[in-house]
């Protein structure tokens, strides 16, 4: 079993990275930065990059949904321009449901990645893993 410089296993450190993603981006980036700067294990460094990429990916997805929600009045005005009825409350409820689904998916993905990391395993997330493979 590989150990980090601070004495814990590489799998436990990676799991902590993923679980830290549930708390917020800043603490996770600090720990990932430590892993990238001071740890030599390639799997751990890859896990650090993947943890940050997963959280940032979900943040981008939430921002895109938020952009759609913020443009609700513009969409309503567009429908009113053509004398079509547009129910704003249904649209806002739909946006809220989308945000909740994305939040639940983020928690599930980070939990699954964290529990897999304890056993030094990984879950393949196509776009993120392909990007990491290409640039690392």
N, C-alpha and C. Protein backbone atom coordinates (compact mmCIF):
# COMPACT_ATOMS: atom_id res chain seq x y z
N UNK A 1 0.84 -1.17 0.00
CA UNK A 1 0.00 0.00 0.00
C UNK A 1 0.89 1.24 0.00
N UNK A 2 0.60 2.15 -0.91
CA UNK A 2 1.37 3.38 -1.03
C UNK A 2 0.92 4.38 0.03
N UNK A 3 1.88 5.10 0.55
CA UNK A 3 1.60 6.11 1.58
C UNK A 3 1.97 7.49 1.06
N UNK A 4 1.29 8.49 1.58
CA UNK A 4 1.63 9.87 1.25
C UNK A 4 2.72 10.36 2.19
N UNK A 5 3.20 11.55 1.98
CA UNK A 5 4.23 12.11 2.85
C UNK A 5 3.73 12.36 4.26
N UNK A 6 2.42 12.55 4.39
CA UNK A 6 1.88 12.80 5.73
C UNK A 6 1.54 11.50 6.45
N UNK A 7 1.75 10.35 5.80
CA UNK A 7 1.64 9.06 6.47
C UNK A 7 0.34 8.30 6.28
N UNK A 8 -0.61 8.84 5.54
CA UNK A 8 -1.84 8.08 5.31
C UNK A 8 -1.78 7.45 3.92
N UNK A 9 -2.66 6.48 3.69
CA UNK A 9 -2.64 5.80 2.40
C UNK A 9 -3.09 6.75 1.29
N UNK A 10 -2.62 6.44 0.10
CA UNK A 10 -2.95 7.25 -1.08
C UNK A 10 -4.46 7.21 -1.33
N UNK A 11 -5.07 6.04 -1.15
CA UNK A 11 -6.51 5.90 -1.37
C UNK A 11 -7.32 6.74 -0.40
N UNK A 12 -6.91 6.75 0.86
CA UNK A 12 -7.62 7.56 1.85
C UNK A 12 -7.47 9.05 1.56
N UNK A 13 -6.29 9.46 1.13
CA UNK A 13 -6.07 10.86 0.79
C UNK A 13 -6.95 11.26 -0.39
N UNK A 14 -7.02 10.40 -1.43
CA UNK A 14 -7.86 10.70 -2.59
C UNK A 14 -9.33 10.73 -2.20
N UNK A 15 -9.75 9.82 -1.33
CA UNK A 15 -11.14 9.83 -0.86
C UNK A 15 -11.44 11.13 -0.13
N UNK A 16 -10.48 11.59 0.68
CA UNK A 16 -10.66 12.87 1.37
C UNK A 16 -10.81 14.02 0.39
N UNK A 17 -10.08 13.96 -0.71
CA UNK A 17 -10.21 14.99 -1.75
C UNK A 17 -11.63 15.03 -2.30
N UNK A 18 -12.14 13.85 -2.66
CA UNK A 18 -13.49 13.80 -3.22
C UNK A 18 -14.53 14.23 -2.19
N UNK A 19 -14.39 13.78 -0.95
CA UNK A 19 -15.35 14.16 0.08
C UNK A 19 -15.25 15.66 0.40
N UNK A 20 -14.06 16.21 0.29
CA UNK A 20 -13.89 17.64 0.51
C UNK A 20 -14.63 18.44 -0.57
N UNK A 21 -14.79 17.86 -1.74
CA UNK A 21 -15.56 18.51 -2.81
C UNK A 21 -17.01 18.72 -2.43
N UNK A 22 -17.50 17.93 -1.47
CA UNK A 22 -18.86 18.12 -0.99
C UNK A 22 -18.97 19.36 -0.11
N UNK A 23 -17.87 19.77 0.48
CA UNK A 23 -17.87 20.94 1.35
C UNK A 23 -17.68 22.24 0.60
N UNK A 24 -16.87 22.19 -0.45
CA UNK A 24 -16.64 23.42 -1.19
C UNK A 24 -15.40 23.32 -2.05
N UNK A 25 -15.30 24.25 -2.97
CA UNK A 25 -14.20 24.24 -3.93
C UNK A 25 -12.88 24.67 -3.29
N UNK A 26 -12.91 25.70 -2.45
CA UNK A 26 -11.67 26.26 -1.91
C UNK A 26 -10.88 25.26 -1.07
N UNK A 27 -11.49 24.57 -0.08
CA UNK A 27 -10.70 23.61 0.70
C UNK A 27 -10.20 22.45 -0.16
N UNK A 28 -11.00 22.04 -1.14
CA UNK A 28 -10.58 20.94 -2.00
C UNK A 28 -9.41 21.36 -2.88
N UNK A 29 -9.42 22.59 -3.37
CA UNK A 29 -8.32 23.07 -4.21
C UNK A 29 -7.03 23.17 -3.38
N UNK A 30 -7.13 23.56 -2.12
CA UNK A 30 -5.94 23.61 -1.26
C UNK A 30 -5.33 22.22 -1.10
N UNK A 31 -6.17 21.23 -0.83
CA UNK A 31 -5.66 19.87 -0.64
C UNK A 31 -5.15 19.31 -1.97
N UNK A 32 -5.86 19.58 -3.05
CA UNK A 32 -5.41 19.12 -4.37
C UNK A 32 -4.09 19.79 -4.74
N UNK A 33 -3.94 21.04 -4.41
CA UNK A 33 -2.68 21.74 -4.67
C UNK A 33 -1.53 21.12 -3.91
N UNK A 34 -1.79 20.74 -2.66
CA UNK A 34 -0.76 20.04 -1.90
C UNK A 34 -0.36 18.73 -2.60
N UNK A 35 -1.37 17.97 -3.03
CA UNK A 35 -1.10 16.68 -3.70
C UNK A 35 -0.28 16.90 -4.97
N UNK A 36 -0.61 17.93 -5.73
CA UNK A 36 0.09 18.17 -6.98
C UNK A 36 1.51 18.69 -6.76
N UNK A 37 1.72 19.46 -5.71
CA UNK A 37 3.04 20.03 -5.46
C UNK A 37 3.99 19.09 -4.73
N UNK A 38 3.47 18.31 -3.79
CA UNK A 38 4.37 17.59 -2.90
C UNK A 38 4.29 16.06 -2.99
N UNK A 39 3.25 15.52 -3.57
CA UNK A 39 3.13 14.06 -3.65
C UNK A 39 3.63 13.58 -5.00
N UNK A 40 4.23 12.40 -5.01
CA UNK A 40 4.82 11.86 -6.22
C UNK A 40 3.99 10.77 -6.87
N UNK A 41 3.00 10.24 -6.16
CA UNK A 41 2.18 9.16 -6.69
C UNK A 41 1.31 9.68 -7.84
N UNK A 42 1.48 9.07 -9.01
CA UNK A 42 0.77 9.54 -10.22
C UNK A 42 -0.74 9.35 -10.10
N UNK A 43 -1.18 8.25 -9.47
CA UNK A 43 -2.61 8.00 -9.33
C UNK A 43 -3.25 9.08 -8.43
N UNK A 44 -2.55 9.44 -7.37
CA UNK A 44 -3.06 10.48 -6.46
C UNK A 44 -3.12 11.84 -7.15
N UNK A 45 -2.11 12.16 -7.92
CA UNK A 45 -2.11 13.43 -8.64
C UNK A 45 -3.26 13.49 -9.64
N UNK A 46 -3.50 12.36 -10.30
CA UNK A 46 -4.61 12.27 -11.25
C UNK A 46 -5.95 12.40 -10.53
N UNK A 47 -6.06 11.78 -9.36
CA UNK A 47 -7.29 11.88 -8.57
C UNK A 47 -7.53 13.32 -8.12
N UNK A 48 -6.46 14.03 -7.78
CA UNK A 48 -6.59 15.43 -7.36
C UNK A 48 -7.14 16.28 -8.50
N UNK A 49 -6.59 16.08 -9.69
CA UNK A 49 -7.07 16.83 -10.85
C UNK A 49 -8.51 16.45 -11.17
N UNK A 50 -8.83 15.17 -11.07
CA UNK A 50 -10.18 14.72 -11.39
C UNK A 50 -11.19 15.27 -10.38
N UNK A 51 -10.83 15.32 -9.11
CA UNK A 51 -11.73 15.86 -8.10
C UNK A 51 -12.08 17.32 -8.39
N UNK A 52 -11.07 18.10 -8.71
CA UNK A 52 -11.31 19.51 -9.03
C UNK A 52 -12.13 19.63 -10.31
N UNK A 53 -11.81 18.80 -11.30
CA UNK A 53 -12.53 18.86 -12.58
C UNK A 53 -14.00 18.48 -12.41
N UNK A 54 -14.29 17.51 -11.57
CA UNK A 54 -15.69 17.11 -11.36
C UNK A 54 -16.47 18.25 -10.70
N UNK A 55 -15.90 18.84 -9.67
CA UNK A 55 -16.60 19.92 -8.97
C UNK A 55 -16.77 21.14 -9.88
N UNK A 56 -15.73 21.48 -10.61
CA UNK A 56 -15.83 22.63 -11.53
C UNK A 56 -16.82 22.33 -12.65
N UNK A 57 -16.84 21.09 -13.13
CA UNK A 57 -17.81 20.70 -14.16
C UNK A 57 -19.25 20.87 -13.68
N UNK A 58 -19.52 20.45 -12.46
CA UNK A 58 -20.87 20.64 -11.92
C UNK A 58 -21.17 22.12 -11.68
N UNK A 59 -20.16 22.90 -11.32
CA UNK A 59 -20.37 24.34 -11.16
C UNK A 59 -20.74 25.00 -12.49
N UNK A 60 -20.07 24.58 -13.55
CA UNK A 60 -20.38 25.11 -14.89
C UNK A 60 -21.80 24.72 -15.29
N UNK A 61 -22.17 23.47 -15.03
CA UNK A 61 -23.53 23.02 -15.35
C UNK A 61 -24.58 23.82 -14.57
N UNK A 62 -24.33 24.06 -13.29
CA UNK A 62 -25.24 24.88 -12.50
C UNK A 62 -25.30 26.31 -13.02
N UNK A 63 -24.17 26.84 -13.46
CA UNK A 63 -24.16 28.20 -14.01
C UNK A 63 -24.97 28.29 -15.30
N UNK A 64 -24.89 27.26 -16.12
CA UNK A 64 -25.67 27.25 -17.36
C UNK A 64 -27.16 27.17 -17.06
N UNK A 65 -27.54 26.38 -16.07
CA UNK A 65 -28.94 26.31 -15.68
C UNK A 65 -29.37 27.65 -15.08
N UNK A 66 -28.50 28.27 -14.30
CA UNK A 66 -28.79 29.58 -13.73
C UNK A 66 -28.97 30.64 -14.80
N UNK A 67 -28.17 30.56 -15.84
CA UNK A 67 -28.31 31.49 -16.96
C UNK A 67 -29.68 31.34 -17.61
N UNK A 68 -30.11 30.10 -17.76
CA UNK A 68 -31.43 29.84 -18.31
C UNK A 68 -32.52 30.41 -17.40
N UNK A 69 -32.33 30.22 -16.10
CA UNK A 69 -33.30 30.75 -15.13
C UNK A 69 -33.33 32.26 -15.11
N UNK A 70 -32.15 32.87 -15.23
CA UNK A 70 -32.08 34.33 -15.23
C UNK A 70 -32.69 34.95 -16.48
N UNK A 71 -32.75 34.18 -17.53
CA UNK A 71 -33.33 34.69 -18.77
C UNK A 71 -34.82 34.39 -18.86
N UNK A 72 -35.45 33.99 -17.75
CA UNK A 72 -36.87 33.64 -17.75
C UNK A 72 -37.74 34.82 -18.19
N UNK A 73 -37.44 36.01 -17.73
CA UNK A 73 -38.26 37.16 -18.12
C UNK A 73 -38.10 37.46 -19.61
N UNK A 74 -36.90 37.28 -20.13
CA UNK A 74 -36.69 37.47 -21.57
C UNK A 74 -37.50 36.46 -22.37
N UNK A 75 -37.51 35.21 -21.91
CA UNK A 75 -38.29 34.18 -22.59
C UNK A 75 -39.78 34.50 -22.50
N UNK A 76 -40.23 34.96 -21.33
CA UNK A 76 -41.63 35.35 -21.16
C UNK A 76 -42.02 36.49 -22.08
N UNK A 77 -41.15 37.49 -22.19
CA UNK A 77 -41.42 38.61 -23.09
C UNK A 77 -41.46 38.16 -24.55
N UNK A 78 -40.59 37.22 -24.90
CA UNK A 78 -40.58 36.70 -26.27
C UNK A 78 -41.91 36.01 -26.60
N UNK A 79 -42.42 35.19 -25.67
CA UNK A 79 -43.70 34.52 -25.91
C UNK A 79 -44.84 35.53 -25.94
N UNK A 80 -44.80 36.54 -25.08
CA UNK A 80 -45.84 37.56 -25.07
C UNK A 80 -45.83 38.39 -26.35
N UNK A 81 -44.68 38.53 -26.96
CA UNK A 81 -44.55 39.26 -28.21
C UNK A 81 -45.41 38.61 -29.30
N UNK A 82 -45.49 37.30 -29.28
CA UNK A 82 -46.27 36.57 -30.28
C UNK A 82 -47.63 36.14 -29.75
N UNK A 83 -48.10 36.81 -28.69
CA UNK A 83 -49.42 36.57 -28.10
C UNK A 83 -49.63 35.12 -27.68
N UNK A 84 -48.59 34.51 -27.19
CA UNK A 84 -48.68 33.15 -26.65
C UNK A 84 -48.61 33.25 -25.13
N UNK A 85 -49.35 32.39 -24.48
CA UNK A 85 -49.35 32.38 -23.03
C UNK A 85 -48.11 31.64 -22.53
N UNK A 86 -47.41 32.24 -21.58
CA UNK A 86 -46.22 31.64 -21.00
C UNK A 86 -46.37 31.64 -19.49
N UNK A 87 -46.39 30.48 -18.89
CA UNK A 87 -46.53 30.36 -17.45
C UNK A 87 -45.15 30.43 -16.81
N UNK A 88 -44.86 31.58 -16.22
CA UNK A 88 -43.55 31.82 -15.63
C UNK A 88 -43.30 30.90 -14.44
N UNK A 89 -44.31 30.62 -13.64
CA UNK A 89 -44.12 29.77 -12.46
C UNK A 89 -43.74 28.35 -12.84
N UNK A 90 -44.29 27.83 -13.90
CA UNK A 90 -43.90 26.48 -14.36
C UNK A 90 -42.45 26.46 -14.81
N UNK A 91 -42.05 27.50 -15.50
CA UNK A 91 -40.67 27.58 -15.98
C UNK A 91 -39.70 27.66 -14.80
N UNK A 92 -40.02 28.48 -13.82
CA UNK A 92 -39.17 28.63 -12.64
C UNK A 92 -39.12 27.31 -11.86
N UNK A 93 -40.24 26.61 -11.77
CA UNK A 93 -40.26 25.31 -11.11
C UNK A 93 -39.40 24.30 -11.86
N UNK A 94 -39.43 24.35 -13.18
CA UNK A 94 -38.61 23.46 -13.99
C UNK A 94 -37.12 23.73 -13.75
N UNK A 95 -36.74 24.99 -13.69
CA UNK A 95 -35.36 25.36 -13.42
C UNK A 95 -34.95 24.87 -12.04
N UNK A 96 -35.82 25.01 -11.07
CA UNK A 96 -35.53 24.55 -9.71
C UNK A 96 -35.34 23.03 -9.67
N UNK A 97 -36.16 22.31 -10.39
CA UNK A 97 -36.03 20.85 -10.46
C UNK A 97 -34.70 20.48 -11.10
N UNK A 98 -34.32 21.16 -12.17
CA UNK A 98 -33.04 20.89 -12.83
C UNK A 98 -31.86 21.13 -11.88
N UNK A 99 -31.90 22.21 -11.14
CA UNK A 99 -30.82 22.51 -10.19
C UNK A 99 -30.73 21.45 -9.10
N UNK A 100 -31.87 20.99 -8.61
CA UNK A 100 -31.88 19.94 -7.59
C UNK A 100 -31.32 18.63 -8.14
N UNK A 101 -31.67 18.30 -9.37
CA UNK A 101 -31.16 17.07 -9.99
C UNK A 101 -29.65 17.14 -10.13
N UNK A 102 -29.14 18.28 -10.57
CA UNK A 102 -27.69 18.45 -10.72
C UNK A 102 -27.00 18.38 -9.36
N UNK A 103 -27.57 18.98 -8.34
CA UNK A 103 -26.97 18.93 -7.01
C UNK A 103 -26.93 17.51 -6.46
N UNK A 104 -28.01 16.77 -6.65
CA UNK A 104 -28.05 15.37 -6.20
C UNK A 104 -27.03 14.55 -6.97
N UNK A 105 -26.94 14.78 -8.28
CA UNK A 105 -25.96 14.04 -9.10
C UNK A 105 -24.54 14.35 -8.64
N UNK A 106 -24.25 15.60 -8.31
CA UNK A 106 -22.91 15.96 -7.84
C UNK A 106 -22.57 15.22 -6.55
N UNK A 107 -23.48 15.21 -5.61
CA UNK A 107 -23.24 14.52 -4.34
C UNK A 107 -23.01 13.03 -4.59
N UNK A 108 -23.86 12.42 -5.41
CA UNK A 108 -23.71 10.99 -5.68
C UNK A 108 -22.38 10.66 -6.37
N UNK A 109 -22.01 11.46 -7.35
CA UNK A 109 -20.76 11.21 -8.08
C UNK A 109 -19.56 11.36 -7.14
N UNK A 110 -19.55 12.41 -6.33
CA UNK A 110 -18.42 12.61 -5.41
C UNK A 110 -18.36 11.51 -4.35
N UNK A 111 -19.51 11.09 -3.85
CA UNK A 111 -19.52 9.99 -2.88
C UNK A 111 -19.03 8.69 -3.49
N UNK A 112 -19.50 8.38 -4.69
CA UNK A 112 -19.05 7.16 -5.36
C UNK A 112 -17.55 7.20 -5.64
N UNK A 113 -17.07 8.32 -6.14
CA UNK A 113 -15.64 8.46 -6.40
C UNK A 113 -14.83 8.34 -5.11
N UNK A 114 -15.33 8.93 -4.03
CA UNK A 114 -14.63 8.86 -2.75
C UNK A 114 -14.56 7.44 -2.21
N UNK A 115 -15.67 6.73 -2.24
CA UNK A 115 -15.66 5.36 -1.72
C UNK A 115 -14.83 4.42 -2.61
N UNK A 116 -14.83 4.66 -3.90
CA UNK A 116 -13.98 3.88 -4.80
C UNK A 116 -12.51 4.19 -4.55
N UNK A 117 -12.20 5.43 -4.25
CA UNK A 117 -10.81 5.84 -4.04
C UNK A 117 -10.21 5.18 -2.80
N UNK A 118 -11.03 4.91 -1.80
CA UNK A 118 -10.52 4.24 -0.60
C UNK A 118 -9.88 2.91 -0.97
N UNK A 119 -10.47 2.22 -1.93
CA UNK A 119 -9.94 0.94 -2.39
C UNK A 119 -8.96 1.09 -3.55
N UNK A 120 -8.56 2.32 -3.81
CA UNK A 120 -7.62 2.64 -4.88
C UNK A 120 -8.20 2.29 -6.25
N UNK A 121 -9.50 2.47 -6.42
CA UNK A 121 -10.19 2.28 -7.69
C UNK A 121 -10.68 3.62 -8.21
N UNK A 122 -11.27 3.58 -9.39
CA UNK A 122 -11.73 4.80 -10.02
C UNK A 122 -12.99 4.51 -10.82
N UNK A 123 -13.75 5.54 -11.08
CA UNK A 123 -14.92 5.46 -11.96
C UNK A 123 -14.59 6.30 -13.19
N UNK A 124 -14.82 5.74 -14.35
CA UNK A 124 -14.52 6.45 -15.59
C UNK A 124 -15.64 7.44 -15.90
N UNK A 125 -15.27 8.70 -15.98
CA UNK A 125 -16.19 9.76 -16.39
C UNK A 125 -15.64 10.27 -17.71
N UNK A 126 -16.25 9.85 -18.80
CA UNK A 126 -15.74 10.03 -20.16
C UNK A 126 -15.05 11.33 -20.47
N UNK A 127 -15.77 12.42 -20.46
CA UNK A 127 -15.22 13.71 -20.87
C UNK A 127 -14.06 14.14 -19.97
N UNK A 128 -14.22 13.99 -18.67
CA UNK A 128 -13.19 14.42 -17.72
C UNK A 128 -11.95 13.53 -17.85
N UNK A 129 -12.14 12.21 -17.88
CA UNK A 129 -10.99 11.30 -17.97
C UNK A 129 -10.26 11.47 -19.29
N UNK A 130 -11.00 11.65 -20.38
CA UNK A 130 -10.35 11.86 -21.68
C UNK A 130 -9.52 13.14 -21.68
N UNK A 131 -10.03 14.19 -21.10
CA UNK A 131 -9.30 15.46 -21.03
C UNK A 131 -8.05 15.31 -20.16
N UNK A 132 -8.17 14.64 -19.03
CA UNK A 132 -7.01 14.44 -18.16
C UNK A 132 -5.96 13.60 -18.87
N UNK A 133 -6.39 12.54 -19.56
CA UNK A 133 -5.44 11.69 -20.29
C UNK A 133 -4.70 12.46 -21.38
N UNK A 134 -5.41 13.35 -22.02
CA UNK A 134 -4.83 14.13 -23.12
C UNK A 134 -3.78 15.13 -22.62
N UNK A 135 -4.00 15.67 -21.42
CA UNK A 135 -3.15 16.77 -20.96
C UNK A 135 -2.20 16.40 -19.83
N UNK A 136 -2.20 15.16 -19.41
CA UNK A 136 -1.33 14.79 -18.29
C UNK A 136 -0.33 13.75 -18.73
